[in-house]
């Protein structure tokens, strides 16, 4: 039996990199995207197939899918992981800050899922795993754009699960809390300490812990799980 093909966006660092490497070691054929050639080179060096992808540019998304169809002809599992933050309090948030975050997270998730599910339907098999955030559920000061986009992704995923379940396609969200990645490195030691006081496990999560859950949802063992948002946050939200 041929290896299942997995597409991981944002695979050159953080959660995406950990997930891509975990899936590759598990036996999947992994396609990983990055925004720079340096990131693509790194993905290739780690034994996967790297592609440039700018989620804020629909032409870049289309170009990536053309490459995948030409070289692989299908995608069995889609992991929408890539994203950005443009934090600001709502009173000061610019339309550019709002629109870029909404576009890269919510709009791009729609485009990616639309293209992937068309391929998955032919095989009557598919897994869609969208990376959400605890911010979607509890909110986070300065992240009105990010929280709104992630909440939209969660609702969209539930609809995806209802529309495609009869075709053998599952769709789920993973909502990480504070994970040790580039997105949290800007926090000061004092800020980290204050956040950790609210986390029952008293630490930030590891990218590898998110990758383990992604790997499970991509597996045959998770074939009866769909339409769910699974929180992974050390107890920050219960």
Protein backbone atom coordinates (compact mmCIF):
# COMPACT_ATOMS: atom_id res chain seq x y z
CA UNK A 1 0.00 0.00 0.00
CA UNK A 2 1.37 3.45 -0.93
CA UNK A 3 2.07 5.98 1.79
CA UNK A 4 -0.65 8.51 2.56
CA UNK A 5 0.22 12.04 1.52
CA UNK A 6 0.12 14.76 4.17
CA UNK A 7 0.28 18.51 3.53
CA UNK A 8 1.48 20.60 6.48
CA UNK A 9 1.47 24.39 6.13
CA UNK A 10 4.08 26.31 8.08
CA UNK A 11 6.33 23.25 8.32
CA UNK A 12 9.69 24.98 8.77
CA UNK A 13 9.32 25.90 12.44
CA UNK A 14 7.31 25.50 15.63
CA UNK A 15 4.28 23.24 15.70
CA UNK A 16 4.34 22.72 11.93
CA UNK A 17 7.93 21.52 11.92
CA UNK A 18 7.33 19.17 14.84
CA UNK A 19 4.22 17.79 13.16
CA UNK A 20 5.90 17.31 9.79
CA UNK A 21 8.79 15.42 11.34
CA UNK A 22 6.51 13.27 13.51
CA UNK A 23 4.31 12.34 10.55
CA UNK A 24 7.33 11.60 8.38
CA UNK A 25 8.76 9.27 11.05
CA UNK A 26 5.34 7.60 11.40
CA UNK A 27 5.45 6.69 7.70
CA UNK A 28 3.51 9.41 5.92
CA UNK A 29 4.72 11.10 2.74
CA UNK A 30 4.98 14.73 3.88
CA UNK A 31 4.68 17.91 1.86
CA UNK A 32 5.61 20.96 3.90
CA UNK A 33 5.25 24.65 3.10
CA UNK A 34 7.23 27.71 4.13
CA UNK A 35 7.14 31.38 3.23
CA UNK A 36 10.83 31.55 2.28
CA UNK A 37 13.25 29.54 0.18
CA UNK A 38 15.39 29.06 3.28
CA UNK A 39 12.44 27.36 4.96
CA UNK A 40 11.77 25.20 1.90
CA UNK A 41 15.44 24.14 1.81
CA UNK A 42 15.24 23.12 5.44
CA UNK A 43 12.12 21.02 4.82
CA UNK A 44 13.85 19.31 1.88
CA UNK A 45 16.95 18.64 3.99
CA UNK A 46 14.78 16.90 6.57
CA UNK A 47 13.62 14.42 3.93
CA UNK A 48 10.29 15.97 3.00
CA UNK A 49 8.99 17.86 -0.03
CA UNK A 50 9.12 21.63 0.49
CA UNK A 51 7.03 24.25 -1.28
CA UNK A 52 6.75 28.03 -1.08
CA UNK A 53 3.37 29.24 0.14
CA UNK A 54 2.11 32.73 0.94
CA UNK A 55 -1.36 32.33 2.43
CA UNK A 56 -2.04 36.04 1.93
CA UNK A 57 -1.79 35.57 -1.85
CA UNK A 58 -4.39 33.44 -3.63
CA UNK A 59 -2.09 33.06 -6.67
CA UNK A 60 0.55 31.52 -4.40
CA UNK A 61 -2.05 29.08 -3.04
CA UNK A 62 -3.12 28.11 -6.57
CA UNK A 63 0.49 27.68 -7.68
CA UNK A 64 1.20 25.38 -4.75
CA UNK A 65 -1.83 23.20 -5.53
CA UNK A 66 -0.80 22.95 -9.18
CA UNK A 67 2.60 21.70 -8.06
CA UNK A 68 1.02 19.13 -5.74
CA UNK A 69 -1.35 17.84 -8.41
CA UNK A 70 1.48 17.57 -10.95
CA UNK A 71 3.79 15.71 -8.55
CA UNK A 72 1.47 13.78 -6.22
CA UNK A 73 -2.01 13.90 -7.76
CA UNK A 74 -3.67 13.95 -4.33
CA UNK A 75 -3.53 14.95 -0.68
CA UNK A 76 -4.94 12.54 1.89
CA UNK A 77 -4.42 14.65 5.00
CA UNK A 78 -4.40 18.44 5.26
CA UNK A 79 -2.99 20.22 8.30
CA UNK A 80 -3.72 23.96 8.28
CA UNK A 81 -1.11 25.16 10.73
CA UNK A 82 0.58 28.27 9.29
CA UNK A 83 -0.41 31.63 10.69
CA UNK A 84 0.63 35.02 11.99
CA UNK A 85 -0.25 37.45 14.74
CA UNK A 86 -0.70 41.22 14.41
CA UNK A 87 -1.59 42.08 17.98
CA UNK A 88 -3.16 45.35 19.04
CA UNK A 89 -6.02 46.40 21.27
CA UNK A 90 -9.27 46.82 19.36
CA UNK A 91 -9.37 50.60 19.81
CA UNK A 92 -6.01 50.93 18.02
CA UNK A 93 -6.14 48.02 15.58
CA UNK A 94 -5.78 49.09 11.95
CA UNK A 95 -7.82 47.60 9.13
CA UNK A 96 -4.59 46.18 7.68
CA UNK A 97 -3.86 44.37 10.96
CA UNK A 98 -7.42 43.04 11.06
CA UNK A 99 -7.63 42.00 7.40
CA UNK A 100 -4.21 40.34 7.14
CA UNK A 101 -4.84 38.07 10.12
CA UNK A 102 -8.38 37.21 8.97
CA UNK A 103 -7.13 36.54 5.44
CA UNK A 104 -4.15 34.36 6.39
CA UNK A 105 -6.10 32.33 8.95
CA UNK A 106 -9.77 32.19 8.00
CA UNK A 107 -9.89 32.92 4.26
CA UNK A 108 -6.86 30.76 3.51
CA UNK A 109 -8.30 27.87 5.53
CA UNK A 110 -11.40 28.01 3.33
CA UNK A 111 -9.31 28.00 0.10
CA UNK A 112 -7.08 25.19 1.32
CA UNK A 113 -9.96 23.00 2.49
CA UNK A 114 -11.94 23.60 -0.69
CA UNK A 115 -9.07 22.43 -2.87
CA UNK A 116 -8.07 19.51 -0.63
CA UNK A 117 -11.56 18.06 -0.20
CA UNK A 118 -12.09 17.95 -3.96
CA UNK A 119 -9.11 15.61 -4.16
CA UNK A 120 -10.12 13.65 -1.06
CA UNK A 121 -13.63 12.97 -2.37
CA UNK A 122 -12.20 11.02 -5.32
CA UNK A 123 -10.65 8.53 -2.89
CA UNK A 124 -13.50 8.72 -0.38
CA UNK A 125 -10.93 9.31 2.33
CA UNK A 126 -9.50 12.37 3.98
CA UNK A 127 -8.42 14.05 7.17
CA UNK A 128 -8.56 17.81 7.74
CA UNK A 129 -6.83 19.04 10.90
CA UNK A 130 -7.07 22.77 11.55
CA UNK A 131 -4.95 24.44 14.20
CA UNK A 132 -7.08 26.81 16.25
CA UNK A 133 -6.22 28.43 19.59
CA UNK A 134 -7.41 28.77 23.15
CA UNK A 135 -7.89 32.44 22.21
CA UNK A 136 -10.92 31.41 20.14
CA UNK A 137 -12.69 30.24 23.29
CA UNK A 138 -11.54 32.54 26.09
CA UNK A 139 -10.38 35.58 24.11
CA UNK A 140 -7.07 37.32 24.64
CA UNK A 141 -6.39 41.00 25.14
CA UNK A 142 -4.81 42.48 22.02
CA UNK A 143 -5.86 39.56 19.81
CA UNK A 144 -9.34 40.47 18.61
CA UNK A 145 -8.34 39.68 15.02
CA UNK A 146 -6.62 36.39 15.88
CA UNK A 147 -9.35 35.19 18.27
CA UNK A 148 -12.08 36.01 15.74
CA UNK A 149 -10.25 34.20 12.92
CA UNK A 150 -9.65 31.10 15.04
CA UNK A 151 -13.26 31.02 16.27
CA UNK A 152 -14.36 31.23 12.63
CA UNK A 153 -12.10 28.30 11.76
CA UNK A 154 -13.66 26.20 14.51
CA UNK A 155 -17.20 26.88 13.23
CA UNK A 156 -16.11 26.30 9.64
CA UNK A 157 -14.55 22.96 10.61
CA UNK A 158 -17.80 21.73 12.18
CA UNK A 159 -19.62 22.54 8.95
CA UNK A 160 -16.89 20.79 6.97
CA UNK A 161 -17.37 17.69 9.12
CA UNK A 162 -21.12 17.65 8.40
CA UNK A 163 -20.75 18.21 4.66
CA UNK A 164 -18.01 15.67 3.99
CA UNK A 165 -18.51 12.94 6.59
CA UNK A 166 -20.45 10.74 4.18
CA UNK A 167 -17.43 10.82 1.86
CA UNK A 168 -15.10 9.33 4.45
CA UNK A 169 -13.55 12.70 5.32
CA UNK A 170 -13.10 13.81 8.93
CA UNK A 171 -12.46 17.39 10.05
CA UNK A 172 -11.23 18.46 13.47
CA UNK A 173 -9.60 21.37 15.27
CA UNK A 174 -6.74 21.36 17.73
CA UNK A 175 -6.75 24.42 20.01
CA UNK A 176 -3.32 24.82 21.64
CA UNK A 177 -2.77 27.11 24.58
CA UNK A 178 0.65 28.64 25.22
CA UNK A 179 3.26 26.58 23.35
CA UNK A 180 7.01 27.22 23.30
CA UNK A 181 7.37 28.53 19.73
CA UNK A 182 8.51 31.72 17.99
CA UNK A 183 5.04 33.16 18.66
CA UNK A 184 5.63 33.12 22.42
CA UNK A 185 9.34 33.99 22.50
CA UNK A 186 8.55 37.73 22.57
CA UNK A 187 7.08 37.34 26.08
CA UNK A 188 9.22 38.63 28.94
CA UNK A 189 10.18 36.39 31.85
CA UNK A 190 7.67 38.22 34.04
CA UNK A 191 4.89 37.75 31.47
CA UNK A 192 5.68 34.05 31.17
CA UNK A 193 5.61 33.64 34.95
CA UNK A 194 2.24 35.39 35.19
CA UNK A 195 0.74 33.21 32.42
CA UNK A 196 2.10 30.01 33.96
CA UNK A 197 0.36 30.84 37.24
CA UNK A 198 -2.95 30.41 35.39
CA UNK A 199 -1.91 27.05 33.88
CA UNK A 200 -2.52 24.11 36.26
CA UNK A 201 0.45 22.22 34.82
CA UNK A 202 2.55 25.36 35.44
CA UNK A 203 4.40 25.32 32.13
CA UNK A 204 4.09 26.09 28.43
CA UNK A 205 3.44 23.18 26.10
CA UNK A 206 5.97 21.72 23.66
CA UNK A 207 5.48 21.67 19.88
CA UNK A 208 6.07 17.92 20.01
CA UNK A 209 3.03 17.50 22.28
CA UNK A 210 0.82 19.15 19.68
CA UNK A 211 2.50 17.05 16.98
CA UNK A 212 1.59 13.86 18.86
CA UNK A 213 -2.10 14.84 18.82
CA UNK A 214 -1.92 15.76 15.13
CA UNK A 215 -0.36 12.38 14.40
CA UNK A 216 -3.18 10.63 16.28
CA UNK A 217 -5.93 12.53 14.43
CA UNK A 218 -4.23 11.64 11.13
CA UNK A 219 -4.20 7.95 12.02
CA UNK A 220 -6.74 5.19 11.41
CA UNK A 221 -7.35 5.06 15.17
CA UNK A 222 -9.09 8.46 14.94
CA UNK A 223 -11.45 7.47 12.12
CA UNK A 224 -14.61 8.03 14.22
CA UNK A 225 -13.62 11.48 15.52
CA UNK A 226 -14.96 14.42 13.53
CA UNK A 227 -16.31 17.91 14.07
CA UNK A 228 -14.40 18.29 17.34
CA UNK A 229 -12.23 20.98 18.88
CA UNK A 230 -9.63 19.35 21.10
CA UNK A 231 -8.03 21.66 23.64
CA UNK A 232 -4.36 21.19 24.46
CA UNK A 233 -3.43 23.83 27.02
CA UNK A 234 -2.24 22.32 30.30
CA UNK A 235 -5.58 23.15 31.90
CA UNK A 236 -5.64 26.87 31.07
CA UNK A 237 -9.14 26.33 29.68
CA UNK A 238 -11.35 23.49 30.93
